[in-house]
Amino acid sequence: MVRSAAIVPVLLVLAGCAKDLIPNTEVENTPDNRAVIDFCEEYRIALEAKDFAKIVALTADDYYEDGASPPGTDDYDRAGLQARLAGRFTRVEEVRYDIRYRRVVYFPDRVEVYYSFYGRFQVAGDAGDESRWFSEVGDNRLVLRRTPDGYKILSGL
């Protein structure tokens, strides 16, 4: 009995140290973090809706994706993103995209959002063939810029 009475205060102290996280994330629940996650959810929802105009509208005018290959042939800007989305999704019938937000890091000139994703894509089959589901799992980083209206994506799509 004495032993359990001693454990209760320890548990209360530990519970008080636990961070309040945004539901279904590993990100502390603060107003700034909530605004960042809400913005990122706009991207996820637009992707599932295949609303490519919305995705491009979420990007900054100076959006640039560095594919990290030495010749740079896989790098693209905002216009390249638009073409890439239109080309890549021509046969995609349905998208399901889950994001698990891991961390939000603030810098003077940007915000970095680290997350894991699980994407499922239903792709139309060739003539006479049924459509098939494909999946992709990975980790990614979105780089955002704070604007007077919220945020814009600088890279990471």
Protein backbone atom coordinates (compact mmCIF):
# COMPACT_ATOMS: atom_id res chain seq x y z
CA MET A 1 0.00 0.00 0.00
CA VAL A 2 2.81 2.41 0.90
CA ARG A 3 4.58 1.48 -2.31
CA SER A 4 1.62 2.40 -4.55
CA ALA A 5 1.13 5.65 -2.64
CA ALA A 6 4.72 6.59 -3.51
CA ILE A 7 4.23 5.80 -7.19
CA VAL A 8 1.21 8.08 -7.66
CA PRO A 9 3.13 11.38 -7.22
CA VAL A 10 5.84 10.18 -9.61
CA LEU A 11 3.24 9.33 -12.26
CA LEU A 12 1.60 12.72 -11.82
CA VAL A 13 4.94 14.50 -12.34
CA LEU A 14 5.69 12.43 -15.44
CA ALA A 15 2.23 13.10 -16.86
CA GLY A 16 2.80 16.82 -16.35
CA CYS A 17 6.00 16.62 -18.42
CA ALA A 18 4.29 15.01 -21.41
CA LYS A 19 3.93 17.32 -24.40
CA ASP A 20 0.56 18.06 -25.90
CA LEU A 21 0.84 16.80 -29.48
CA ILE A 22 -1.30 17.66 -32.48
CA PRO A 23 -3.48 14.56 -32.96
CA ASN A 24 -2.01 11.90 -35.26
CA THR A 25 1.38 13.65 -35.36
CA GLU A 26 4.59 13.78 -33.38
CA VAL A 27 4.48 17.60 -33.42
CA GLU A 28 3.92 19.71 -30.32
CA ASN A 29 0.53 21.42 -30.32
CA THR A 30 1.33 25.14 -30.59
CA PRO A 31 -0.49 27.79 -32.65
CA ASP A 32 2.47 28.08 -35.06
CA ASN A 33 2.83 24.32 -35.50
CA ARG A 34 -0.93 23.94 -35.94
CA ALA A 35 -0.88 26.58 -38.74
CA VAL A 36 1.98 24.77 -40.49
CA ILE A 37 0.28 21.36 -40.28
CA ASP A 38 -3.03 22.84 -41.46
CA PHE A 39 -1.24 24.31 -44.49
CA CYS A 40 0.46 20.98 -45.25
CA GLU A 41 -2.92 19.28 -45.01
CA GLU A 42 -4.14 21.60 -47.79
CA TYR A 43 -1.45 20.03 -49.99
CA ARG A 44 -2.41 16.48 -48.97
CA ILE A 45 -6.10 17.11 -49.64
CA ALA A 46 -5.34 18.72 -53.03
CA LEU A 47 -3.17 15.73 -53.96
CA GLU A 48 -5.94 13.27 -53.11
CA ALA A 49 -8.38 15.37 -55.17
CA LYS A 50 -5.82 15.54 -58.01
CA ASP A 51 -6.30 19.32 -57.88
CA PHE A 52 -3.03 20.24 -59.53
CA ALA A 53 -3.94 23.91 -59.91
CA LYS A 54 -4.35 24.07 -56.11
CA ILE A 55 -1.01 22.31 -55.55
CA VAL A 56 0.78 24.78 -57.83
CA ALA A 57 -1.03 27.67 -56.10
CA LEU A 58 0.41 26.45 -52.78
CA THR A 59 3.96 26.87 -54.13
CA ALA A 60 6.09 30.00 -54.06
CA ASP A 61 6.90 31.78 -57.32
CA ASP A 62 10.53 30.75 -56.81
CA TYR A 63 9.69 27.08 -56.10
CA TYR A 64 12.61 24.89 -57.12
CA GLU A 65 13.15 21.18 -56.77
CA ASP A 66 16.75 19.99 -56.81
CA GLY A 67 16.69 16.31 -57.75
CA ALA A 68 20.24 15.96 -56.38
CA SER A 69 21.68 14.34 -59.49
CA PRO A 70 24.98 15.83 -60.69
CA PRO A 71 23.87 16.85 -64.19
CA GLY A 72 20.72 18.46 -62.79
CA THR A 73 18.48 16.95 -65.46
CA ASP A 74 15.84 16.10 -62.87
CA ASP A 75 15.64 19.62 -61.39
CA TYR A 76 12.51 21.68 -62.03
CA ASP A 77 10.86 24.96 -61.12
CA ARG A 78 7.22 25.90 -60.60
CA ALA A 79 6.36 25.59 -64.32
CA GLY A 80 8.18 22.25 -64.40
CA LEU A 81 6.16 21.10 -61.39
CA GLN A 82 2.94 21.91 -63.21
CA ALA A 83 4.03 19.91 -66.27
CA ARG A 84 5.29 17.07 -64.10
CA LEU A 85 2.00 16.79 -62.19
CA ALA A 86 -0.06 16.80 -65.39
CA GLY A 87 2.15 14.17 -67.02
CA ARG A 88 2.63 11.91 -64.06
CA PHE A 89 -1.04 11.64 -63.13
CA THR A 90 -2.68 11.22 -66.56
CA ARG A 91 -3.62 7.60 -65.84
CA VAL A 92 -4.12 7.92 -62.09
CA GLU A 93 -7.78 7.38 -61.23
CA GLU A 94 -7.64 7.71 -57.46
CA VAL A 95 -5.13 8.86 -54.85
CA ARG A 96 -5.01 8.09 -51.15
CA TYR A 97 -2.21 9.84 -49.34
CA ASP A 98 -1.52 9.54 -45.61
CA ILE A 99 0.99 11.77 -43.86
CA ARG A 100 2.52 11.30 -40.42
CA TYR A 101 4.09 14.61 -39.41
CA ARG A 102 7.30 14.04 -37.46
CA ARG A 103 8.86 17.43 -36.84
CA VAL A 104 8.55 21.14 -37.65
CA VAL A 105 11.76 23.20 -37.54
CA TYR A 106 11.78 26.99 -37.76
CA PHE A 107 14.57 29.04 -39.36
CA PRO A 108 14.65 32.81 -39.97
CA ASP A 109 13.98 32.36 -43.70
CA ARG A 110 12.03 29.09 -43.86
CA VAL A 111 10.14 26.34 -42.05
CA GLU A 112 11.04 22.68 -42.61
CA VAL A 113 8.39 20.00 -42.14
CA TYR A 114 9.61 16.42 -41.82
CA TYR A 115 7.09 13.68 -42.42
CA SER A 116 6.54 10.08 -43.44
CA PHE A 117 4.00 9.26 -46.11
CA TYR A 118 2.08 6.31 -47.46
CA GLY A 119 0.63 6.94 -50.91
CA ARG A 120 -1.68 4.61 -52.79
CA PHE A 121 -2.45 5.25 -56.44
CA GLN A 122 -5.06 3.53 -58.59
CA VAL A 123 -3.72 3.55 -62.14
CA ALA A 124 -5.83 2.81 -65.22
CA GLY A 125 -4.87 -0.37 -67.00
CA ASP A 126 -4.08 -0.69 -70.67
CA ALA A 127 -7.01 -1.24 -73.04
CA GLY A 128 -9.10 -4.07 -71.63
CA ASP A 129 -7.06 -4.40 -68.44
CA GLU A 130 -8.36 -3.55 -64.99
CA SER A 131 -6.86 -0.67 -63.08
CA ARG A 132 -4.26 -1.55 -60.45
CA TRP A 133 -3.21 -0.08 -57.13
CA PHE A 134 0.40 0.89 -56.51
CA SER A 135 1.85 2.17 -53.27
CA GLU A 136 4.78 4.29 -52.24
CA VAL A 137 6.17 4.73 -48.74
CA GLY A 138 8.86 7.15 -47.69
CA ASP A 139 10.11 10.09 -45.70
CA ASN A 140 10.16 13.62 -47.03
CA ARG A 141 10.80 17.23 -46.12
CA LEU A 142 8.71 20.17 -47.23
CA VAL A 143 10.41 23.56 -47.11
CA LEU A 144 8.01 26.45 -46.57
CA ARG A 145 8.23 30.22 -46.52
CA ARG A 146 6.03 32.23 -44.21
CA THR A 147 3.98 34.85 -46.09
CA PRO A 148 1.53 37.51 -44.91
CA ASP A 149 -1.28 35.11 -45.90
CA GLY A 150 0.20 31.95 -44.38
CA TYR A 151 2.79 29.79 -46.12
CA LYS A 152 4.09 28.84 -49.56
CA ILE A 153 6.04 25.71 -50.53
CA LEU A 154 9.64 26.39 -51.64
CA SER A 155 10.61 22.76 -52.30
CA GLY A 156 9.86 19.20 -51.35
CA LEU A 157 7.11 18.04 -53.67
